[in-house]
Amino acid sequence: MAADELDAMTRELAVLVEERRTIAASLDRLRDGPPPADELLLRRLKRRLTGLDERIGRLQRLLAPDMPA
């Protein structure tokens, strides 16, 4: 991989990690808040969080150095 591709993936990873932190904090506030929490919003945020986890994992695997067999 070229250095500029690695830099772009590293920047994307940082953005995704920050977005994940923000969504996780929002989920915690909604869960801990007063009861009628918007269930649809909670499901959407959980789904978004799962998607971010998958994308973050994929980028981390691409950026990790290959380990010898």
C-alpha atoms as a PDB file:
ATOM      1  CA  MET A   1       0.000   0.000   0.000  1.00  0.00           C
ATOM      2  CA  ALA A   2       1.137   3.490  -0.747  1.00  0.00           C
ATOM      3  CA  ALA A   3       1.870   5.921   2.071  1.00  0.00           C
ATOM      4  CA  ASP A   4      -0.983   8.234   1.064  1.00  0.00           C
ATOM      5  CA  GLU A   5      -3.440   5.305   1.180  1.00  0.00           C
ATOM      6  CA  LEU A   6      -2.208   4.397   4.655  1.00  0.00           C
ATOM      7  CA  ASP A   7      -2.578   8.007   5.783  1.00  0.00           C
ATOM      8  CA  ALA A   8      -6.120   8.175   4.401  1.00  0.00           C
ATOM      9  CA  MET A   9      -7.103   4.931   6.129  1.00  0.00           C
ATOM     10  CA  THR A  10      -5.536   6.094   9.399  1.00  0.00           C
ATOM     11  CA  ARG A  11      -7.489   9.359   9.239  1.00  0.00           C
ATOM     12  CA  GLU A  12     -10.707   7.503   8.429  1.00  0.00           C
ATOM     13  CA  LEU A  13     -10.090   5.161  11.359  1.00  0.00           C
ATOM     14  CA  ALA A  14      -9.639   8.121  13.715  1.00  0.00           C
ATOM     15  CA  VAL A  15     -12.892   9.696  12.485  1.00  0.00           C
ATOM     16  CA  LEU A  16     -14.794   6.418  12.881  1.00  0.00           C
ATOM     17  CA  VAL A  17     -13.443   5.848  16.397  1.00  0.00           C
ATOM     18  CA  GLU A  18     -14.491   9.362  17.420  1.00  0.00           C
ATOM     19  CA  GLU A  19     -17.956   8.871  15.902  1.00  0.00           C
ATOM     20  CA  ARG A  20     -18.258   5.565  17.762  1.00  0.00           C
ATOM     21  CA  ARG A  21     -17.387   7.260  21.066  1.00  0.00           C
ATOM     22  CA  THR A  22     -19.990   9.948  20.443  1.00  0.00           C
ATOM     23  CA  ILE A  23     -22.728   7.439  19.597  1.00  0.00           C
ATOM     24  CA  ALA A  24     -21.841   5.222  22.572  1.00  0.00           C
ATOM     25  CA  ALA A  25     -22.071   8.241  24.890  1.00  0.00           C
ATOM     26  CA  SER A  26     -25.447   9.184  23.385  1.00  0.00           C
ATOM     27  CA  LEU A  27     -26.717   5.643  23.909  1.00  0.00           C
ATOM     28  CA  ASP A  28     -25.595   5.701  27.539  1.00  0.00           C
ATOM     29  CA  ARG A  29     -27.372   9.018  28.148  1.00  0.00           C
ATOM     30  CA  LEU A  30     -30.577   7.750  26.541  1.00  0.00           C
ATOM     31  CA  ARG A  31     -30.520   4.493  28.514  1.00  0.00           C
ATOM     32  CA  ASP A  32     -29.800   6.236  31.815  1.00  0.00           C
ATOM     33  CA  GLY A  33     -32.269   9.043  31.195  1.00  0.00           C
ATOM     34  CA  PRO A  34     -35.869   9.214  32.219  1.00  0.00           C
ATOM     35  CA  PRO A  35     -38.113   6.448  30.850  1.00  0.00           C
ATOM     36  CA  PRO A  36     -39.780   7.175  27.806  1.00  0.00           C
ATOM     37  CA  ALA A  37     -36.564   6.787  25.832  1.00  0.00           C
ATOM     38  CA  ASP A  38     -37.204   6.702  22.110  1.00  0.00           C
ATOM     39  CA  GLU A  39     -36.917   2.975  21.339  1.00  0.00           C
ATOM     40  CA  LEU A  40     -36.625   3.540  17.585  1.00  0.00           C
ATOM     41  CA  LEU A  41     -33.743   5.953  18.118  1.00  0.00           C
ATOM     42  CA  LEU A  42     -32.056   3.466  20.461  1.00  0.00           C
ATOM     43  CA  ARG A  43     -32.303   0.696  17.845  1.00  0.00           C
ATOM     44  CA  ARG A  44     -30.938   2.966  15.124  1.00  0.00           C
ATOM     45  CA  LEU A  45     -28.021   4.066  17.263  1.00  0.00           C
ATOM     46  CA  LYS A  46     -27.219   0.452  18.203  1.00  0.00           C
ATOM     47  CA  ARG A  47     -27.300  -0.552  14.532  1.00  0.00           C
ATOM     48  CA  ARG A  48     -25.032   2.371  13.627  1.00  0.00           C
ATOM     49  CA  LEU A  49     -22.665   1.398  16.439  1.00  0.00           C
ATOM     50  CA  THR A  50     -22.469  -2.176  15.145  1.00  0.00           C
ATOM     51  CA  GLY A  51     -21.713  -0.938  11.629  1.00  0.00           C
ATOM     52  CA  LEU A  52     -18.981   1.337  12.953  1.00  0.00           C
ATOM     53  CA  ASP A  53     -17.469  -1.540  14.935  1.00  0.00           C
ATOM     54  CA  GLU A  54     -17.308  -3.631  11.775  1.00  0.00           C
ATOM     55  CA  ARG A  55     -15.720  -0.852   9.714  1.00  0.00           C
ATOM     56  CA  ILE A  56     -13.223  -0.057  12.479  1.00  0.00           C
ATOM     57  CA  GLY A  57     -12.256  -3.725  12.746  1.00  0.00           C
ATOM     58  CA  ARG A  58     -11.807  -4.004   8.989  1.00  0.00           C
ATOM     59  CA  LEU A  59      -9.568  -0.929   8.865  1.00  0.00           C
ATOM     60  CA  GLN A  60      -7.540  -2.117  11.846  1.00  0.00           C
ATOM     61  CA  ARG A  61      -6.928  -5.465  10.142  1.00  0.00           C
ATOM     62  CA  LEU A  62      -5.832  -3.687   6.958  1.00  0.00           C
ATOM     63  CA  LEU A  63      -3.488  -1.399   8.838  1.00  0.00           C
ATOM     64  CA  ALA A  64      -1.976  -4.115  11.064  1.00  0.00           C
ATOM     65  CA  PRO A  65       1.309  -5.504   9.831  1.00  0.00           C
ATOM     66  CA  ASP A  66       1.178  -9.023   8.464  1.00  0.00           C
ATOM     67  CA  MET A  67       2.253 -11.616  10.969  1.00  0.00           C
ATOM     68  CA  PRO A  68       4.408 -14.478   9.779  1.00  0.00           C
ATOM     69  CA  ALA A  69       2.705 -17.868   9.692  1.00  0.00           C
END
